[in-house]
Amino acid sequence: MAIQDSLIADESVVFQSVKHWIAPIRASVVAGLMVLGALFLRAIAPSGDGFFGWIGGVLELIAIGLLIAGIAWIAYNIVAWRTAEFAVTNMRILREEGLIRRRNSTTLLSSLSDVRTNVGFVGGRLDYGDIVILTTSGSAGQDNFLCITKPLEFRKAVMEQKMAVDAPKTQPPPVAAAGTPPTAATLTAPAAQPASPFRPTSSDDAATLLRLAELRDKGAITDEEYATKKAEILARM
């Protein structure tokens, strides 16, 4: 089932990504060594009768097992690469992967606590990286997206949609129009304060959070400093 088929009512895809072509290569290092080991065992297996012939037969069986397992592992990694989809919607973060046995994960933006990226030297030039999705449920809700394309753009889309989801919670109560009789809600609601011209907008806050996350990922600031600044930004929204 594709990402588009799993959307619910009033949900739309904001940003979409896939696994980078380097993903099956990185995931198949051990499998490749198994195939090379099988070829090596076949090359050194002795032939003939007697004890050496028996040794040669055992090595031949081990080589066949390694070869089949290695090729199957590589094929699985290729299927996982070709079928993986990652998407940010206005409600959730989605992952669909697999062909015969589908694997999927869903993270509600309302439960999201942080997004971390790991983009190495090579990844920065080939535009791929790893993303870790953290939720309020801790490690139980952690989700890892490995070797996806455009990781920084993916994180930016997640943070922007997270801010959009949280924004209604911080809106001031509606003010009754002139000549309209006051209701119980308007009588009990606090008076709306005029917006300060120097107060950052939600887009400014989102950009600041993204910049702080980049500094945290590069090691320029610690996790504690990032968490403190993040709490300050969210508190003033």
C-alpha atoms as a PDB file:
ATOM      1  CA  MET A   1       0.000   0.000   0.000  1.00  0.00           C
ATOM      2  CA  ALA A   2       1.465   3.352  -1.075  1.00  0.00           C
ATOM      3  CA  ILE A   3       1.557   6.504   1.039  1.00  0.00           C
ATOM      4  CA  GLN A   4      -1.328   8.040  -0.899  1.00  0.00           C
ATOM      5  CA  ASP A   5      -3.518   5.011  -0.142  1.00  0.00           C
ATOM      6  CA  SER A   6      -3.019   5.340   3.620  1.00  0.00           C
ATOM      7  CA  LEU A   7      -4.140   8.966   3.948  1.00  0.00           C
ATOM      8  CA  ILE A   8      -7.201   9.720   6.071  1.00  0.00           C
ATOM      9  CA  ALA A   9      -9.877  12.388   5.652  1.00  0.00           C
ATOM     10  CA  ASP A  10      -8.566  15.972   5.314  1.00  0.00           C
ATOM     11  CA  GLU A  11      -4.967  14.713   5.241  1.00  0.00           C
ATOM     12  CA  SER A  12      -2.535  15.751   2.514  1.00  0.00           C
ATOM     13  CA  VAL A  13       1.139  15.075   1.802  1.00  0.00           C
ATOM     14  CA  VAL A  14       3.388  18.084   2.364  1.00  0.00           C
ATOM     15  CA  PHE A  15       6.796  16.510   1.677  1.00  0.00           C
ATOM     16  CA  GLN A  16       7.864  13.072   0.464  1.00  0.00           C
ATOM     17  CA  SER A  17      11.184  11.242   0.349  1.00  0.00           C
ATOM     18  CA  VAL A  18      12.599   7.826  -0.579  1.00  0.00           C
ATOM     19  CA  LYS A  19      15.664   5.776   0.244  1.00  0.00           C
ATOM     20  CA  HIS A  20      18.870   6.910  -1.438  1.00  0.00           C
ATOM     21  CA  TRP A  21      20.545   4.573  -3.941  1.00  0.00           C
ATOM     22  CA  ILE A  22      23.413   4.104  -1.499  1.00  0.00           C
ATOM     23  CA  ALA A  23      21.038   2.469   1.027  1.00  0.00           C
ATOM     24  CA  PRO A  24      21.195  -1.096  -0.405  1.00  0.00           C
ATOM     25  CA  ILE A  25      24.973  -0.788  -0.757  1.00  0.00           C
ATOM     26  CA  ARG A  26      25.424   0.246   2.875  1.00  0.00           C
ATOM     27  CA  ALA A  27      23.009  -2.410   4.081  1.00  0.00           C
ATOM     28  CA  SER A  28      24.663  -5.174   2.005  1.00  0.00           C
ATOM     29  CA  VAL A  29      28.249  -4.905   3.239  1.00  0.00           C
ATOM     30  CA  VAL A  30      28.009  -8.071   5.361  1.00  0.00           C
ATOM     31  CA  ALA A  31      26.050  -9.867   2.643  1.00  0.00           C
ATOM     32  CA  GLY A  32      28.740  -8.992   0.120  1.00  0.00           C
ATOM     33  CA  LEU A  33      31.407 -10.376   2.441  1.00  0.00           C
ATOM     34  CA  MET A  34      29.385 -13.602   2.711  1.00  0.00           C
ATOM     35  CA  VAL A  35      29.356 -13.965  -1.088  1.00  0.00           C
ATOM     36  CA  LEU A  36      33.105 -13.304  -1.294  1.00  0.00           C
ATOM     37  CA  GLY A  37      33.687 -15.795   1.519  1.00  0.00           C
ATOM     38  CA  ALA A  38      31.687 -18.429  -0.371  1.00  0.00           C
ATOM     39  CA  LEU A  39      33.787 -17.910  -3.488  1.00  0.00           C
ATOM     40  CA  PHE A  40      36.970 -18.099  -1.447  1.00  0.00           C
ATOM     41  CA  LEU A  41      35.927 -21.370   0.235  1.00  0.00           C
ATOM     42  CA  ARG A  42      35.105 -22.930  -3.118  1.00  0.00           C
ATOM     43  CA  ALA A  43      38.497 -21.872  -4.435  1.00  0.00           C
ATOM     44  CA  ILE A  44      40.458 -23.444  -1.555  1.00  0.00           C
ATOM     45  CA  ALA A  45      38.290 -26.554  -1.068  1.00  0.00           C
ATOM     46  CA  PRO A  46      40.460 -29.643  -1.694  1.00  0.00           C
ATOM     47  CA  SER A  47      39.287 -32.307  -4.083  1.00  0.00           C
ATOM     48  CA  GLY A  48      39.880 -36.031  -4.243  1.00  0.00           C
ATOM     49  CA  ASP A  49      39.000 -38.982  -2.073  1.00  0.00           C
ATOM     50  CA  GLY A  50      39.480 -39.791   1.584  1.00  0.00           C
ATOM     51  CA  PHE A  51      39.844 -37.241   4.339  1.00  0.00           C
ATOM     52  CA  PHE A  52      40.687 -34.310   2.074  1.00  0.00           C
ATOM     53  CA  GLY A  53      37.735 -35.117  -0.112  1.00  0.00           C
ATOM     54  CA  TRP A  54      35.496 -35.046   2.949  1.00  0.00           C
ATOM     55  CA  ILE A  55      36.929 -31.657   3.981  1.00  0.00           C
ATOM     56  CA  GLY A  56      36.356 -30.384   0.471  1.00  0.00           C
ATOM     57  CA  GLY A  57      32.724 -31.522   0.598  1.00  0.00           C
ATOM     58  CA  VAL A  58      32.106 -29.746   3.922  1.00  0.00           C
ATOM     59  CA  LEU A  59      33.657 -26.525   2.636  1.00  0.00           C
ATOM     60  CA  GLU A  60      31.567 -26.802  -0.510  1.00  0.00           C
ATOM     61  CA  LEU A  61      28.358 -27.045   1.533  1.00  0.00           C
ATOM     62  CA  ILE A  62      29.355 -24.064   3.690  1.00  0.00           C
ATOM     63  CA  ALA A  63      30.161 -22.062   0.560  1.00  0.00           C
ATOM     64  CA  ILE A  64      26.761 -22.857  -0.982  1.00  0.00           C
ATOM     65  CA  GLY A  65      24.980 -21.816   2.224  1.00  0.00           C
ATOM     66  CA  LEU A  66      26.900 -18.536   2.424  1.00  0.00           C
ATOM     67  CA  LEU A  67      26.269 -17.824  -1.252  1.00  0.00           C
ATOM     68  CA  ILE A  68      22.507 -18.390  -1.025  1.00  0.00           C
ATOM     69  CA  ALA A  69      22.174 -16.400   2.198  1.00  0.00           C
ATOM     70  CA  GLY A  70      24.284 -13.527   0.882  1.00  0.00           C
ATOM     71  CA  ILE A  71      22.385 -13.256  -2.408  1.00  0.00           C
ATOM     72  CA  ALA A  72      19.015 -13.441  -0.609  1.00  0.00           C
ATOM     73  CA  TRP A  73      20.102 -10.710   1.810  1.00  0.00           C
ATOM     74  CA  ILE A  74      21.222  -8.445  -1.044  1.00  0.00           C
ATOM     75  CA  ALA A  75      17.926  -9.043  -2.883  1.00  0.00           C
ATOM     76  CA  TYR A  76      15.966  -8.144   0.259  1.00  0.00           C
ATOM     77  CA  ASN A  77      17.916  -4.888   0.647  1.00  0.00           C
ATOM     78  CA  ILE A  78      17.221  -3.975  -2.977  1.00  0.00           C
ATOM     79  CA  VAL A  79      13.483  -4.605  -2.501  1.00  0.00           C
ATOM     80  CA  ALA A  80      13.494  -2.515   0.691  1.00  0.00           C
ATOM     81  CA  TRP A  81      15.224   0.301  -1.196  1.00  0.00           C
ATOM     82  CA  ARG A  82      12.821   0.256  -4.136  1.00  0.00           C
ATOM     83  CA  THR A  83       9.634   0.091  -2.053  1.00  0.00           C
ATOM     84  CA  ALA A  84      10.428   2.481   0.813  1.00  0.00           C
ATOM     85  CA  GLU A  85       8.486   5.753   1.037  1.00  0.00           C
ATOM     86  CA  PHE A  86       8.625   8.452   3.698  1.00  0.00           C
ATOM     87  CA  ALA A  87       6.174  11.333   3.924  1.00  0.00           C
ATOM     88  CA  VAL A  88       5.231  14.322   6.041  1.00  0.00           C
ATOM     89  CA  THR A  89       1.545  15.215   6.013  1.00  0.00           C
ATOM     90  CA  ASN A  90      -0.375  17.943   7.769  1.00  0.00           C
ATOM     91  CA  MET A  91      -1.190  15.399  10.508  1.00  0.00           C
ATOM     92  CA  ARG A  92       1.420  12.620  10.623  1.00  0.00           C
ATOM     93  CA  ILE A  93       4.848  11.288   9.643  1.00  0.00           C
ATOM     94  CA  LEU A  94       4.459   8.106   7.583  1.00  0.00           C
ATOM     95  CA  ARG A  95       6.768   5.285   6.518  1.00  0.00           C
ATOM     96  CA  GLU A  96       5.847   2.469   4.093  1.00  0.00           C
ATOM     97  CA  GLU A  97       8.360  -0.243   3.225  1.00  0.00           C
ATOM     98  CA  GLY A  98       8.426  -3.791   1.881  1.00  0.00           C
ATOM     99  CA  LEU A  99       6.785  -5.715  -0.955  1.00  0.00           C
ATOM    100  CA  ILE A 100       5.407  -9.056   0.237  1.00  0.00           C
ATOM    101  CA  ARG A 101       5.607  -8.258   3.945  1.00  0.00           C
ATOM    102  CA  ARG A 102       4.749  -4.587   4.359  1.00  0.00           C
ATOM    103  CA  ARG A 103       6.281  -2.607   7.186  1.00  0.00           C
ATOM    104  CA  ASN A 104       4.851   0.760   8.130  1.00  0.00           C
ATOM    105  CA  SER A 105       5.013   3.265  10.942  1.00  0.00           C
ATOM    106  CA  THR A 106       2.981   6.339  11.842  1.00  0.00           C
ATOM    107  CA  THR A 107       3.878   9.223  14.142  1.00  0.00           C
ATOM    108  CA  LEU A 108       1.313  11.868  15.007  1.00  0.00           C
ATOM    109  CA  LEU A 109       2.686  15.394  14.819  1.00  0.00           C
ATOM    110  CA  SER A 110       0.893  16.184  18.068  1.00  0.00           C
ATOM    111  CA  SER A 111       3.010  13.562  19.878  1.00  0.00           C
ATOM    112  CA  LEU A 112       6.315  14.597  18.264  1.00  0.00           C
ATOM    113  CA  SER A 113       8.994  15.911  20.628  1.00  0.00           C
ATOM    114  CA  ASP A 114      12.091  16.207  18.422  1.00  0.00           C
ATOM    115  CA  VAL A 115      13.638  15.354  15.047  1.00  0.00           C
ATOM    116  CA  ARG A 116      17.336  14.541  14.767  1.00  0.00           C
ATOM    117  CA  THR A 117      19.399  14.195  11.617  1.00  0.00           C
ATOM    118  CA  ASN A 118      22.726  12.520  10.934  1.00  0.00           C
ATOM    119  CA  VAL A 119      24.292  13.694   7.677  1.00  0.00           C
ATOM    120  CA  GLY A 120      27.925  12.682   7.241  1.00  0.00           C
ATOM    121  CA  PHE A 121      30.584  14.089   4.940  1.00  0.00           C
ATOM    122  CA  VAL A 122      29.610  11.835   2.032  1.00  0.00           C
ATOM    123  CA  GLY A 123      25.888  12.210   2.779  1.00  0.00           C
ATOM    124  CA  GLY A 124      26.149  15.981   2.633  1.00  0.00           C
ATOM    125  CA  ARG A 125      27.504  15.778  -0.899  1.00  0.00           C
ATOM    126  CA  LEU A 126      25.188  13.027  -2.126  1.00  0.00           C
ATOM    127  CA  ASP A 127      22.168  14.514  -0.297  1.00  0.00           C
ATOM    128  CA  TYR A 128      21.239  11.618   1.983  1.00  0.00           C
ATOM    129  CA  GLY A 129      21.221  10.973   5.710  1.00  0.00           C
ATOM    130  CA  ASP A 130      19.510   9.342   8.677  1.00  0.00           C
ATOM    131  CA  ILE A 131      16.584  10.808  10.615  1.00  0.00           C
ATOM    132  CA  VAL A 132      15.481   9.892  14.138  1.00  0.00           C
ATOM    133  CA  ILE A 133      11.875  10.688  15.087  1.00  0.00           C
ATOM    134  CA  LEU A 134      11.386  11.170  18.838  1.00  0.00           C
ATOM    135  CA  THR A 135       8.010  11.313  20.554  1.00  0.00           C
ATOM    136  CA  THR A 136       6.671  12.078  23.998  1.00  0.00           C
ATOM    137  CA  SER A 137       6.515   8.332  24.721  1.00  0.00           C
ATOM    138  CA  GLY A 138      10.319   8.144  24.794  1.00  0.00           C
ATOM    139  CA  SER A 139      12.334   5.315  23.241  1.00  0.00           C
ATOM    140  CA  ALA A 140       9.172   3.258  22.711  1.00  0.00           C
ATOM    141  CA  GLY A 141       7.995   5.768  20.119  1.00  0.00           C
ATOM    142  CA  GLN A 142      11.369   6.310  18.426  1.00  0.00           C
ATOM    143  CA  ASP A 143      11.483   5.728  14.677  1.00  0.00           C
ATOM    144  CA  ASN A 144      14.613   5.619  12.496  1.00  0.00           C
ATOM    145  CA  PHE A 145      14.621   6.508   8.799  1.00  0.00           C
ATOM    146  CA  LEU A 146      17.941   5.349   7.351  1.00  0.00           C
ATOM    147  CA  CYS A 147      19.596   6.666   4.192  1.00  0.00           C
ATOM    148  CA  ILE A 148      16.713   8.821   2.990  1.00  0.00           C
ATOM    149  CA  THR A 149      17.059  11.535   0.363  1.00  0.00           C
ATOM    150  CA  LYS A 150      16.829  15.232   1.288  1.00  0.00           C
ATOM    151  CA  PRO A 151      17.010  14.692   5.074  1.00  0.00           C
ATOM    152  CA  LEU A 152      17.337  18.394   5.963  1.00  0.00           C
ATOM    153  CA  GLU A 153      14.314  19.332   3.852  1.00  0.00           C
ATOM    154  CA  PHE A 154      12.394  16.457   5.451  1.00  0.00           C
ATOM    155  CA  ARG A 155      13.202  17.735   8.948  1.00  0.00           C
ATOM    156  CA  LYS A 156      12.252  21.284   7.968  1.00  0.00           C
ATOM    157  CA  ALA A 157       8.876  20.080   6.683  1.00  0.00           C
ATOM    158  CA  VAL A 158       8.285  18.145   9.918  1.00  0.00           C
ATOM    159  CA  MET A 159       9.099  21.158  12.102  1.00  0.00           C
ATOM    160  CA  GLU A 160       6.915  23.497  10.047  1.00  0.00           C
ATOM    161  CA  GLN A 161       3.934  21.148  10.234  1.00  0.00           C
ATOM    162  CA  LYS A 162       4.547  20.606  13.958  1.00  0.00           C
ATOM    163  CA  MET A 163       4.405  24.380  14.498  1.00  0.00           C
ATOM    164  CA  ALA A 164       1.215  24.560  12.435  1.00  0.00           C
ATOM    165  CA  VAL A 165      -0.408  21.818  14.527  1.00  0.00           C
ATOM    166  CA  ASP A 166       0.566  23.501  17.807  1.00  0.00           C
ATOM    167  CA  ALA A 167      -0.345  27.030  16.658  1.00  0.00           C
ATOM    168  CA  PRO A 168      -4.142  26.816  17.333  1.00  0.00           C
ATOM    169  CA  LYS A 169      -3.393  26.047  20.972  1.00  0.00           C
ATOM    170  CA  THR A 170      -1.689  29.422  21.387  1.00  0.00           C
ATOM    171  CA  GLN A 171      -4.226  31.624  19.572  1.00  0.00           C
ATOM    172  CA  PRO A 172      -5.968  34.334  21.715  1.00  0.00           C
ATOM    173  CA  PRO A 173      -9.727  33.981  22.329  1.00  0.00           C
ATOM    174  CA  PRO A 174     -12.031  35.673  19.787  1.00  0.00           C
ATOM    175  CA  VAL A 175     -13.135  39.234  20.523  1.00  0.00           C
ATOM    176  CA  ALA A 176     -16.834  40.078  20.081  1.00  0.00           C
ATOM    177  CA  ALA A 177     -17.635  42.558  17.313  1.00  0.00           C
ATOM    178  CA  ALA A 178     -18.975  45.998  18.187  1.00  0.00           C
ATOM    179  CA  GLY A 179     -22.703  45.961  18.948  1.00  0.00           C
ATOM    180  CA  THR A 180     -22.753  42.207  19.606  1.00  0.00           C
ATOM    181  CA  PRO A 181     -24.131  41.220  23.037  1.00  0.00           C
ATOM    182  CA  PRO A 182     -21.402  39.623  25.161  1.00  0.00           C
ATOM    183  CA  THR A 183     -21.643  35.887  25.698  1.00  0.00           C
ATOM    184  CA  ALA A 184     -20.516  33.802  28.652  1.00  0.00           C
ATOM    185  CA  ALA A 185     -17.380  32.840  26.739  1.00  0.00           C
ATOM    186  CA  THR A 186     -16.397  36.444  26.012  1.00  0.00           C
ATOM    187  CA  LEU A 187     -17.169  37.558  29.560  1.00  0.00           C
ATOM    188  CA  THR A 188     -14.951  34.924  31.129  1.00  0.00           C
ATOM    189  CA  ALA A 189     -12.186  35.037  28.506  1.00  0.00           C
ATOM    190  CA  PRO A 190      -9.248  37.360  29.244  1.00  0.00           C
ATOM    191  CA  ALA A 191      -8.941  40.456  27.090  1.00  0.00           C
ATOM    192  CA  ALA A 192      -6.788  39.992  24.025  1.00  0.00           C
ATOM    193  CA  GLN A 193      -3.443  41.748  24.315  1.00  0.00           C
ATOM    194  CA  PRO A 194      -2.113  43.668  21.327  1.00  0.00           C
ATOM    195  CA  ALA A 195       0.666  41.844  19.565  1.00  0.00           C
ATOM    196  CA  SER A 196       4.099  43.278  20.209  1.00  0.00           C
ATOM    197  CA  PRO A 197       5.826  44.461  17.022  1.00  0.00           C
ATOM    198  CA  PHE A 198       8.992  42.747  18.237  1.00  0.00           C
ATOM    199  CA  ARG A 199       7.385  39.375  19.026  1.00  0.00           C
ATOM    200  CA  PRO A 200       8.742  36.627  16.699  1.00  0.00           C
ATOM    201  CA  THR A 201       6.225  35.008  14.373  1.00  0.00           C
ATOM    202  CA  SER A 202       5.657  31.260  14.259  1.00  0.00           C
ATOM    203  CA  SER A 203       7.775  31.069  11.097  1.00  0.00           C
ATOM    204  CA  ASP A 204      10.608  32.873  12.922  1.00  0.00           C
ATOM    205  CA  ASP A 205      10.289  30.403  15.788  1.00  0.00           C
ATOM    206  CA  ALA A 206      10.350  27.464  13.365  1.00  0.00           C
ATOM    207  CA  ALA A 207      13.479  28.823  11.690  1.00  0.00           C
ATOM    208  CA  THR A 208      15.129  29.309  15.086  1.00  0.00           C
ATOM    209  CA  LEU A 209      14.295  25.744  16.129  1.00  0.00           C
ATOM    210  CA  LEU A 210      15.711  24.406  12.873  1.00  0.00           C
ATOM    211  CA  ARG A 211      18.906  26.408  13.357  1.00  0.00           C
ATOM    212  CA  LEU A 212      19.264  25.177  16.941  1.00  0.00           C
ATOM    213  CA  ALA A 213      18.750  21.574  15.775  1.00  0.00           C
ATOM    214  CA  GLU A 214      21.472  22.010  13.153  1.00  0.00           C
ATOM    215  CA  LEU A 215      23.863  23.408  15.778  1.00  0.00           C
ATOM    216  CA  ARG A 216      22.995  20.485  18.074  1.00  0.00           C
ATOM    217  CA  ASP A 217      23.605  17.930  15.289  1.00  0.00           C
ATOM    218  CA  LYS A 218      26.973  19.541  14.470  1.00  0.00           C
ATOM    219  CA  GLY A 219      28.012  19.445  18.132  1.00  0.00           C
ATOM    220  CA  ALA A 220      28.132  23.246  18.480  1.00  0.00           C
ATOM    221  CA  ILE A 221      25.680  23.089  21.394  1.00  0.00           C
ATOM    222  CA  THR A 222      24.809  20.301  23.821  1.00  0.00           C
ATOM    223  CA  ASP A 223      21.495  18.444  24.048  1.00  0.00           C
ATOM    224  CA  GLU A 224      20.781  20.239  27.350  1.00  0.00           C
ATOM    225  CA  GLU A 225      21.360  23.674  25.799  1.00  0.00           C
ATOM    226  CA  TYR A 226      19.139  22.738  22.853  1.00  0.00           C
ATOM    227  CA  ALA A 227      16.351  21.516  25.154  1.00  0.00           C
ATOM    228  CA  THR A 228      16.532  24.721  27.231  1.00  0.00           C
ATOM    229  CA  LYS A 229      16.335  27.038  24.211  1.00  0.00           C
ATOM    230  CA  LYS A 230      13.565  24.936  22.667  1.00  0.00           C
ATOM    231  CA  ALA A 231      11.502  25.194  25.864  1.00  0.00           C
ATOM    232  CA  GLU A 232      11.984  28.975  25.911  1.00  0.00           C
ATOM    233  CA  ILE A 233      10.772  29.332  22.307  1.00  0.00           C
ATOM    234  CA  LEU A 234       7.736  27.105  22.843  1.00  0.00           C
ATOM    235  CA  ALA A 235       6.850  28.912  26.077  1.00  0.00           C
ATOM    236  CA  ARG A 236       6.625  32.322  24.457  1.00  0.00           C
ATOM    237  CA  MET A 237       4.481  31.146  21.537  1.00  0.00           C
END
